[in-house]
Amino acid sequence: MAILLVFVALQFCDLATTLVFLRHGVGEGNPLMAALIRVSPQPAVALLLVKAAACGLAVYAWRSRRTRLLRRANLFFALCVGWNLLAIASA
């Protein structure tokens, strides 16, 4: 269960840091996410939809005992949060 909670926490951190760097004028690096943000009335809505979908997939992975996949996803999103913090610091 802890691995799933870490995933959810990292999603929240990624959401928060992405919103902060978008407010500082830093562009979204993921082209698919950037396109979704452009067509959404609010960037937060687009990000929340993507994060909700990611959490749904994480629950599925956890229930099907794919902990290795969740560990790798956690590492990836920890790096994303770190990248976002660097973008905020340099903005």
PDB file of N, CA and C in Angstrom:
ATOM      1  N   MET A   1       0.827  -1.198   0.000  1.00  0.00           N
ATOM      2  CA  MET A   1       0.000   0.000   0.000  1.00  0.00           C
ATOM      3  C   MET A   1       0.866   1.255   0.000  1.00  0.00           C
ATOM      4  N   ALA A   2       2.022   1.188   0.652  1.00  0.00           N
ATOM      5  CA  ALA A   2       2.896   2.358   0.740  1.00  0.00           C
ATOM      6  C   ALA A   2       3.354   2.824  -0.639  1.00  0.00           C
ATOM      7  N   ILE A   3       3.627   1.878  -1.525  1.00  0.00           N
ATOM      8  CA  ILE A   3       4.103   2.246  -2.857  1.00  0.00           C
ATOM      9  C   ILE A   3       3.029   3.024  -3.626  1.00  0.00           C
ATOM     10  N   LEU A   4       1.767   2.662  -3.406  1.00  0.00           N
ATOM     11  CA  LEU A   4       0.661   3.374  -4.043  1.00  0.00           C
ATOM     12  C   LEU A   4       0.495   4.771  -3.441  1.00  0.00           C
ATOM     13  N   LEU A   5       0.652   4.887  -2.139  1.00  0.00           N
ATOM     14  CA  LEU A   5       0.557   6.193  -1.487  1.00  0.00           C
ATOM     15  C   LEU A   5       1.686   7.126  -1.927  1.00  0.00           C
ATOM     16  N   VAL A   6       2.871   6.566  -2.123  1.00  0.00           N
ATOM     17  CA  VAL A   6       3.988   7.366  -2.636  1.00  0.00           C
ATOM     18  C   VAL A   6       3.659   7.865  -4.035  1.00  0.00           C
ATOM     19  N   PHE A   7       3.069   7.004  -4.855  1.00  0.00           N
ATOM     20  CA  PHE A   7       2.686   7.409  -6.208  1.00  0.00           C
ATOM     21  C   PHE A   7       1.697   8.571  -6.166  1.00  0.00           C
ATOM     22  N   VAL A   8       0.677   8.461  -5.334  1.00  0.00           N
ATOM     23  CA  VAL A   8      -0.329   9.518  -5.230  1.00  0.00           C
ATOM     24  C   VAL A   8       0.310  10.807  -4.727  1.00  0.00           C
ATOM     25  N   ALA A   9       1.195  10.705  -3.748  1.00  0.00           N
ATOM     26  CA  ALA A   9       1.877  11.895  -3.225  1.00  0.00           C
ATOM     27  C   ALA A   9       2.733  12.551  -4.308  1.00  0.00           C
ATOM     28  N   LEU A  10       3.411  11.739  -5.094  1.00  0.00           N
ATOM     29  CA  LEU A  10       4.222  12.293  -6.181  1.00  0.00           C
ATOM     30  C   LEU A  10       3.352  12.944  -7.249  1.00  0.00           C
ATOM     31  N   GLN A  11       2.173  12.398  -7.492  1.00  0.00           N
ATOM     32  CA  GLN A  11       1.255  13.025  -8.449  1.00  0.00           C
ATOM     33  C   GLN A  11       0.823  14.401  -7.947  1.00  0.00           C
ATOM     34  N   PHE A  12       0.533  14.480  -6.655  1.00  0.00           N
ATOM     35  CA  PHE A  12       0.160  15.768  -6.071  1.00  0.00           C
ATOM     36  C   PHE A  12       1.316  16.760  -6.171  1.00  0.00           C
ATOM     37  N   CYS A  13       2.525  16.303  -5.856  1.00  0.00           N
ATOM     38  CA  CYS A  13       3.694  17.189  -5.939  1.00  0.00           C
ATOM     39  C   CYS A  13       3.946  17.631  -7.376  1.00  0.00           C
ATOM     40  N   ASP A  14       3.783  16.722  -8.328  1.00  0.00           N
ATOM     41  CA  ASP A  14       3.963  17.076  -9.735  1.00  0.00           C
ATOM     42  C   ASP A  14       2.907  18.086 -10.171  1.00  0.00           C
ATOM     43  N   LEU A  15       1.677  17.880  -9.752  1.00  0.00           N
ATOM     44  CA  LEU A  15       0.600  18.815 -10.067  1.00  0.00           C
ATOM     45  C   LEU A  15       0.911  20.198  -9.501  1.00  0.00           C
ATOM     46  N   ALA A  16       1.281  20.245  -8.236  1.00  0.00           N
ATOM     47  CA  ALA A  16       1.546  21.536  -7.584  1.00  0.00           C
ATOM     48  C   ALA A  16       2.732  22.253  -8.211  1.00  0.00           C
ATOM     49  N   THR A  17       3.824  21.543  -8.438  1.00  0.00           N
ATOM     50  CA  THR A  17       5.007  22.202  -9.001  1.00  0.00           C
ATOM     51  C   THR A  17       4.775  22.611 -10.452  1.00  0.00           C
ATOM     52  N   THR A  18       3.995  21.823 -11.195  1.00  0.00           N
ATOM     53  CA  THR A  18       3.683  22.199 -12.573  1.00  0.00           C
ATOM     54  C   THR A  18       2.855  23.479 -12.602  1.00  0.00           C
ATOM     55  N   LEU A  19       1.868  23.581 -11.741  1.00  0.00           N
ATOM     56  CA  LEU A  19       1.056  24.802 -11.688  1.00  0.00           C
ATOM     57  C   LEU A  19       1.905  26.014 -11.323  1.00  0.00           C
ATOM     58  N   VAL A  20       2.839  25.836 -10.393  1.00  0.00           N
ATOM     59  CA  VAL A  20       3.709  26.949  -9.995  1.00  0.00           C
ATOM     60  C   VAL A  20       4.582  27.379 -11.158  1.00  0.00           C
ATOM     61  N   PHE A  21       5.209  26.422 -11.838  1.00  0.00           N
ATOM     62  CA  PHE A  21       6.104  26.871 -12.917  1.00  0.00           C
ATOM     63  C   PHE A  21       5.327  27.407 -14.109  1.00  0.00           C
ATOM     64  N   LEU A  22       4.100  26.944 -14.328  1.00  0.00           N
ATOM     65  CA  LEU A  22       3.289  27.548 -15.387  1.00  0.00           C
ATOM     66  C   LEU A  22       2.961  29.002 -15.059  1.00  0.00           C
ATOM     67  N   ARG A  23       2.707  29.290 -13.786  1.00  0.00           N
ATOM     68  CA  ARG A  23       2.439  30.676 -13.365  1.00  0.00           C
ATOM     69  C   ARG A  23       3.671  31.563 -13.511  1.00  0.00           C
ATOM     70  N   HIS A  24       4.865  30.953 -13.449  1.00  0.00           N
ATOM     71  CA  HIS A  24       6.107  31.707 -13.620  1.00  0.00           C
ATOM     72  C   HIS A  24       6.491  31.854 -15.083  1.00  0.00           C
ATOM     73  N   GLY A  25       5.644  31.356 -15.982  1.00  0.00           N
ATOM     74  CA  GLY A  25       5.916  31.517 -17.406  1.00  0.00           C
ATOM     75  C   GLY A  25       6.762  30.432 -18.030  1.00  0.00           C
ATOM     76  N   VAL A  26       7.058  29.377 -17.290  1.00  0.00           N
ATOM     77  CA  VAL A  26       7.823  28.262 -17.842  1.00  0.00           C
ATOM     78  C   VAL A  26       6.858  27.379 -18.619  1.00  0.00           C
ATOM     79  N   GLY A  27       7.225  26.998 -19.826  1.00  0.00           N
ATOM     80  CA  GLY A  27       6.351  26.170 -20.662  1.00  0.00           C
ATOM     81  C   GLY A  27       6.399  24.709 -20.273  1.00  0.00           C
ATOM     82  N   GLU A  28       5.301  24.015 -20.518  1.00  0.00           N
ATOM     83  CA  GLU A  28       5.217  22.576 -20.260  1.00  0.00           C
ATOM     84  C   GLU A  28       6.105  21.843 -21.250  1.00  0.00           C
ATOM     85  N   GLY A  29       6.932  20.925 -20.763  1.00  0.00           N
ATOM     86  CA  GLY A  29       7.878  20.200 -21.600  1.00  0.00           C
ATOM     87  C   GLY A  29       7.268  19.029 -22.351  1.00  0.00           C
ATOM     88  N   ASN A  30       6.220  18.438 -21.815  1.00  0.00           N
ATOM     89  CA  ASN A  30       5.564  17.303 -22.446  1.00  0.00           C
ATOM     90  C   ASN A  30       4.627  17.837 -23.533  1.00  0.00           C
ATOM     91  N   PRO A  31       4.872  17.524 -24.806  1.00  0.00           N
ATOM     92  CA  PRO A  31       4.058  18.091 -25.881  1.00  0.00           C
ATOM     93  C   PRO A  31       2.574  17.708 -25.794  1.00  0.00           C
ATOM     94  N   LEU A  32       2.283  16.493 -25.348  1.00  0.00           N
ATOM     95  CA  LEU A  32       0.879  16.098 -25.216  1.00  0.00           C
ATOM     96  C   LEU A  32       0.182  16.874 -24.097  1.00  0.00           C
ATOM     97  N   MET A  33       0.875  17.031 -22.985  1.00  0.00           N
ATOM     98  CA  MET A  33       0.315  17.790 -21.870  1.00  0.00           C
ATOM     99  C   MET A  33       0.184  19.263 -22.243  1.00  0.00           C
ATOM    100  N   ALA A  34       1.149  19.794 -22.962  1.00  0.00           N
ATOM    101  CA  ALA A  34       1.097  21.195 -23.396  1.00  0.00           C
ATOM    102  C   ALA A  34      -0.116  21.426 -24.312  1.00  0.00           C
ATOM    103  N   ALA A  35      -0.391  20.489 -25.200  1.00  0.00           N
ATOM    104  CA  ALA A  35      -1.552  20.615 -26.091  1.00  0.00           C
ATOM    105  C   ALA A  35      -2.851  20.567 -25.293  1.00  0.00           C
ATOM    106  N   LEU A  36      -2.910  19.688 -24.317  1.00  0.00           N
ATOM    107  CA  LEU A  36      -4.106  19.593 -23.477  1.00  0.00           C
ATOM    108  C   LEU A  36      -4.311  20.858 -22.654  1.00  0.00           C
ATOM    109  N   ILE A  37      -3.232  21.431 -22.176  1.00  0.00           N
ATOM    110  CA  ILE A  37      -3.324  22.680 -21.407  1.00  0.00           C
ATOM    111  C   ILE A  37      -3.833  23.812 -22.303  1.00  0.00           C
ATOM    112  N   ARG A  38      -3.382  23.842 -23.557  1.00  0.00           N
ATOM    113  CA  ARG A  38      -3.812  24.902 -24.478  1.00  0.00           C
ATOM    114  C   ARG A  38      -5.312  24.850 -24.777  1.00  0.00           C
ATOM    115  N   VAL A  39      -5.879  23.648 -24.866  1.00  0.00           N
ATOM    116  CA  VAL A  39      -7.293  23.537 -25.204  1.00  0.00           C
ATOM    117  C   VAL A  39      -8.206  23.573 -23.977  1.00  0.00           C
ATOM    118  N   SER A  40      -7.633  23.500 -22.811  1.00  0.00           N
ATOM    119  CA  SER A  40      -8.425  23.515 -21.582  1.00  0.00           C
ATOM    120  C   SER A  40      -8.650  24.954 -21.119  1.00  0.00           C
ATOM    121  N   PRO A  41      -9.831  25.252 -20.570  1.00  0.00           N
ATOM    122  CA  PRO A  41     -10.069  26.613 -20.078  1.00  0.00           C
ATOM    123  C   PRO A  41      -9.162  26.973 -18.891  1.00  0.00           C
ATOM    124  N   GLN A  42      -8.789  25.977 -18.116  1.00  0.00           N
ATOM    125  CA  GLN A  42      -7.890  26.175 -16.979  1.00  0.00           C
ATOM    126  C   GLN A  42      -6.816  25.091 -17.005  1.00  0.00           C
ATOM    127  N   PRO A  43      -5.545  25.461 -16.874  1.00  0.00           N
ATOM    128  CA  PRO A  43      -4.496  24.436 -16.847  1.00  0.00           C
ATOM    129  C   PRO A  43      -4.687  23.429 -15.711  1.00  0.00           C
ATOM    130  N   ALA A  44      -5.212  23.887 -14.590  1.00  0.00           N
ATOM    131  CA  ALA A  44      -5.401  22.985 -13.456  1.00  0.00           C
ATOM    132  C   ALA A  44      -6.385  21.869 -13.787  1.00  0.00           C
ATOM    133  N   VAL A  45      -7.406  22.170 -14.585  1.00  0.00           N
ATOM    134  CA  VAL A  45      -8.393  21.159 -14.968  1.00  0.00           C
ATOM    135  C   VAL A  45      -7.731  20.077 -15.809  1.00  0.00           C
ATOM    136  N   ALA A  46      -6.942  20.492 -16.774  1.00  0.00           N
ATOM    137  CA  ALA A  46      -6.239  19.528 -17.626  1.00  0.00           C
ATOM    138  C   ALA A  46      -5.296  18.666 -16.798  1.00  0.00           C
ATOM    139  N   LEU A  47      -4.545  19.289 -15.910  1.00  0.00           N
ATOM    140  CA  LEU A  47      -3.610  18.539 -15.074  1.00  0.00           C
ATOM    141  C   LEU A  47      -4.344  17.581 -14.142  1.00  0.00           C
ATOM    142  N   LEU A  48      -5.440  18.020 -13.561  1.00  0.00           N
ATOM    143  CA  LEU A  48      -6.211  17.151 -12.666  1.00  0.00           C
ATOM    144  C   LEU A  48      -6.756  15.925 -13.397  1.00  0.00           C
ATOM    145  N   LEU A  49      -7.217  16.112 -14.621  1.00  0.00           N
ATOM    146  CA  LEU A  49      -7.714  14.975 -15.403  1.00  0.00           C
ATOM    147  C   LEU A  49      -6.615  13.947 -15.654  1.00  0.00           C
ATOM    148  N   VAL A  50      -5.458  14.433 -16.030  1.00  0.00           N
ATOM    149  CA  VAL A  50      -4.339  13.532 -16.310  1.00  0.00           C
ATOM    150  C   VAL A  50      -3.884  12.836 -15.032  1.00  0.00           C
ATOM    151  N   LYS A  51      -3.812  13.568 -13.937  1.00  0.00           N
ATOM    152  CA  LYS A  51      -3.373  12.982 -12.667  1.00  0.00           C
ATOM    153  C   LYS A  51      -4.385  11.974 -12.139  1.00  0.00           C
ATOM    154  N   ALA A  52      -5.680  12.249 -12.332  1.00  0.00           N
ATOM    155  CA  ALA A  52      -6.707  11.292 -11.915  1.00  0.00           C
ATOM    156  C   ALA A  52      -6.594   9.997 -12.723  1.00  0.00           C
ATOM    157  N   ALA A  53      -6.360  10.130 -14.018  1.00  0.00           N
ATOM    158  CA  ALA A  53      -6.184   8.948 -14.864  1.00  0.00           C
ATOM    159  C   ALA A  53      -4.944   8.166 -14.444  1.00  0.00           C
ATOM    160  N   ALA A  54      -3.868   8.872 -14.142  1.00  0.00           N
ATOM    161  CA  ALA A  54      -2.636   8.207 -13.709  1.00  0.00           C
ATOM    162  C   ALA A  54      -2.857   7.455 -12.398  1.00  0.00           C
ATOM    163  N   CYS A  55      -3.579   8.065 -11.476  1.00  0.00           N
ATOM    164  CA  CYS A  55      -3.859   7.391 -10.194  1.00  0.00           C
ATOM    165  C   CYS A  55      -4.740   6.166 -10.414  1.00  0.00           C
ATOM    166  N   GLY A  56      -5.683   6.260 -11.338  1.00  0.00           N
ATOM    167  CA  GLY A  56      -6.504   5.098 -11.666  1.00  0.00           C
ATOM    168  C   GLY A  56      -5.673   3.948 -12.213  1.00  0.00           C
ATOM    169  N   LEU A  57      -4.741   4.275 -13.091  1.00  0.00           N
ATOM    170  CA  LEU A  57      -3.845   3.245 -13.631  1.00  0.00           C
ATOM    171  C   LEU A  57      -2.938   2.678 -12.549  1.00  0.00           C
ATOM    172  N   ALA A  58      -2.516   3.526 -11.622  1.00  0.00           N
ATOM    173  CA  ALA A  58      -1.669   3.060 -10.521  1.00  0.00           C
ATOM    174  C   ALA A  58      -2.422   2.093  -9.607  1.00  0.00           C
ATOM    175  N   VAL A  59      -3.682   2.387  -9.348  1.00  0.00           N
ATOM    176  CA  VAL A  59      -4.495   1.473  -8.536  1.00  0.00           C
ATOM    177  C   VAL A  59      -4.629   0.125  -9.248  1.00  0.00           C
ATOM    178  N   TYR A  60      -4.857   0.171 -10.542  1.00  0.00           N
ATOM    179  CA  TYR A  60      -4.936  -1.075 -11.314  1.00  0.00           C
ATOM    180  C   TYR A  60      -3.612  -1.846 -11.230  1.00  0.00           C
ATOM    181  N   ALA A  61      -2.494  -1.156 -11.392  1.00  0.00           N
ATOM    182  CA  ALA A  61      -1.190  -1.811 -11.315  1.00  0.00           C
ATOM    183  C   ALA A  61      -0.961  -2.399  -9.924  1.00  0.00           C
ATOM    184  N   TRP A  62      -1.356  -1.655  -8.902  1.00  0.00           N
ATOM    185  CA  TRP A  62      -1.173  -2.136  -7.535  1.00  0.00           C
ATOM    186  C   TRP A  62      -2.033  -3.374  -7.270  1.00  0.00           C
ATOM    187  N   ARG A  63      -3.286  -3.328  -7.714  1.00  0.00           N
ATOM    188  CA  ARG A  63      -4.172  -4.475  -7.504  1.00  0.00           C
ATOM    189  C   ARG A  63      -3.710  -5.713  -8.272  1.00  0.00           C
ATOM    190  N   SER A  64      -3.076  -5.497  -9.415  1.00  0.00           N
ATOM    191  CA  SER A  64      -2.573  -6.632 -10.185  1.00  0.00           C
ATOM    192  C   SER A  64      -1.119  -6.960  -9.829  1.00  0.00           C
ATOM    193  N   ARG A  65      -0.677  -6.411  -8.703  1.00  0.00           N
ATOM    194  CA  ARG A  65       0.645  -6.715  -8.112  1.00  0.00           C
ATOM    195  C   ARG A  65       1.822  -6.385  -9.033  1.00  0.00           C
ATOM    196  N   ARG A  66       1.693  -5.310  -9.742  1.00  0.00           N
ATOM    197  CA  ARG A  66       2.789  -4.853 -10.609  1.00  0.00           C
ATOM    198  C   ARG A  66       3.600  -3.792  -9.871  1.00  0.00           C
ATOM    199  N   THR A  67       4.188  -4.202  -8.771  1.00  0.00           N
ATOM    200  CA  THR A  67       4.917  -3.258  -7.921  1.00  0.00           C
ATOM    201  C   THR A  67       6.192  -2.753  -8.594  1.00  0.00           C
ATOM    202  N   ARG A  68       6.786  -3.567  -9.428  1.00  0.00           N
ATOM    203  CA  ARG A  68       7.988  -3.117 -10.141  1.00  0.00           C
ATOM    204  C   ARG A  68       7.647  -1.925 -11.045  1.00  0.00           C
ATOM    205  N   LEU A  69       6.509  -2.004 -11.712  1.00  0.00           N
ATOM    206  CA  LEU A  69       6.048  -0.907 -12.551  1.00  0.00           C
ATOM    207  C   LEU A  69       5.813   0.349 -11.713  1.00  0.00           C
ATOM    208  N   LEU A  70       5.184   0.192 -10.560  1.00  0.00           N
ATOM    209  CA  LEU A  70       4.934   1.346  -9.691  1.00  0.00           C
ATOM    210  C   LEU A  70       6.231   1.940  -9.163  1.00  0.00           C
ATOM    211  N   ARG A  71       7.189   1.097  -8.830  1.00  0.00           N
ATOM    212  CA  ARG A  71       8.497   1.621  -8.376  1.00  0.00           C
ATOM    213  C   ARG A  71       9.150   2.466  -9.466  1.00  0.00           C
ATOM    214  N   ARG A  72       9.095   1.971 -10.685  1.00  0.00           N
ATOM    215  CA  ARG A  72       9.685   2.722 -11.802  1.00  0.00           C
ATOM    216  C   ARG A  72       8.923   4.023 -12.053  1.00  0.00           C
ATOM    217  N   ALA A  73       7.604   3.967 -11.958  1.00  0.00           N
ATOM    218  CA  ALA A  73       6.795   5.181 -12.123  1.00  0.00           C
ATOM    219  C   ALA A  73       7.113   6.177 -11.017  1.00  0.00           C
ATOM    220  N   ASN A  74       7.294   5.692  -9.797  1.00  0.00           N
ATOM    221  CA  ASN A  74       7.638   6.581  -8.688  1.00  0.00           C
ATOM    222  C   ASN A  74       8.986   7.255  -8.922  1.00  0.00           C
ATOM    223  N   LEU A  75       9.943   6.512  -9.420  1.00  0.00           N
ATOM    224  CA  LEU A  75      11.244   7.095  -9.728  1.00  0.00           C
ATOM    225  C   LEU A  75      11.104   8.155 -10.812  1.00  0.00           C
ATOM    226  N   PHE A  76      10.350   7.845 -11.850  1.00  0.00           N
ATOM    227  CA  PHE A  76      10.143   8.789 -12.943  1.00  0.00           C
ATOM    228  C   PHE A  76       9.496  10.080 -12.437  1.00  0.00           C
ATOM    229  N   PHE A  77       8.442   9.952 -11.637  1.00  0.00           N
ATOM    230  CA  PHE A  77       7.756  11.150 -11.170  1.00  0.00           C
ATOM    231  C   PHE A  77       8.554  11.905 -10.121  1.00  0.00           C
ATOM    232  N   ALA A  78       9.393  11.222  -9.365  1.00  0.00           N
ATOM    233  CA  ALA A  78      10.298  11.925  -8.447  1.00  0.00           C
ATOM    234  C   ALA A  78      11.270  12.790  -9.257  1.00  0.00           C
ATOM    235  N   LEU A  79      11.750  12.252 -10.378  1.00  0.00           N
ATOM    236  CA  LEU A  79      12.629  13.032 -11.257  1.00  0.00           C
ATOM    237  C   LEU A  79      11.869  14.203 -11.878  1.00  0.00           C
ATOM    238  N   CYS A  80      10.617  13.989 -12.250  1.00  0.00           N
ATOM    239  CA  CYS A  80       9.799  15.074 -12.814  1.00  0.00           C
ATOM    240  C   CYS A  80       9.615  16.198 -11.802  1.00  0.00           C
ATOM    241  N   VAL A  81       9.333  15.841 -10.556  1.00  0.00           N
ATOM    242  CA  VAL A  81       9.159  16.854  -9.517  1.00  0.00           C
ATOM    243  C   VAL A  81      10.472  17.612  -9.313  1.00  0.00           C
ATOM    244  N   GLY A  82      11.580  16.894  -9.302  1.00  0.00           N
ATOM    245  CA  GLY A  82      12.883  17.556  -9.185  1.00  0.00           C
ATOM    246  C   GLY A  82      13.138  18.510 -10.346  1.00  0.00           C
ATOM    247  N   TRP A  83      12.809  18.072 -11.541  1.00  0.00           N
ATOM    248  CA  TRP A  83      12.957  18.919 -12.730  1.00  0.00           C
ATOM    249  C   TRP A  83      12.096  20.168 -12.611  1.00  0.00           C
ATOM    250  N   ASN A  84      10.857  19.986 -12.160  1.00  0.00           N
ATOM    251  CA  ASN A  84       9.959  21.126 -11.976  1.00  0.00           C
ATOM    252  C   ASN A  84      10.516  22.112 -10.957  1.00  0.00           C
ATOM    253  N   LEU A  85      11.086  21.598  -9.877  1.00  0.00           N
ATOM    254  CA  LEU A  85      11.666  22.483  -8.855  1.00  0.00           C
ATOM    255  C   LEU A  85      12.853  23.257  -9.424  1.00  0.00           C
ATOM    256  N   LEU A  86      13.647  22.607 -10.264  1.00  0.00           N
ATOM    257  CA  LEU A  86      14.754  23.308 -10.923  1.00  0.00           C
ATOM    258  C   LEU A  86      14.230  24.397 -11.863  1.00  0.00           C
ATOM    259  N   ALA A  87      13.162  24.095 -12.578  1.00  0.00           N
ATOM    260  CA  ALA A  87      12.562  25.087 -13.497  1.00  0.00           C
ATOM    261  C   ALA A  87      12.027  26.281 -12.707  1.00  0.00           C
ATOM    262  N   ILE A  88      11.424  26.004 -11.564  1.00  0.00           N
ATOM    263  CA  ILE A  88      10.910  27.102 -10.724  1.00  0.00           C
ATOM    264  C   ILE A  88      12.057  27.951 -10.191  1.00  0.00           C
ATOM    265  N   ALA A  89      13.114  27.283  -9.745  1.00  0.00           N
ATOM    266  CA  ALA A  89      14.256  28.018  -9.179  1.00  0.00           C
ATOM    267  C   ALA A  89      14.943  28.899 -10.222  1.00  0.00           C
ATOM    268  N   SER A  90      14.947  28.449 -11.477  1.00  0.00           N
ATOM    269  CA  SER A  90      15.638  29.232 -12.514  1.00  0.00           C
ATOM    270  C   SER A  90      14.728  30.243 -13.197  1.00  0.00           C
ATOM    271  N   ALA A  91      13.441  30.238 -12.876  1.00  0.00           N
ATOM    272  CA  ALA A  91      12.495  31.166 -13.524  1.00  0.00           C
ATOM    273  C   ALA A  91      12.556  32.546 -12.883  1.00  0.00           C
TER     274      ALA A  91
END
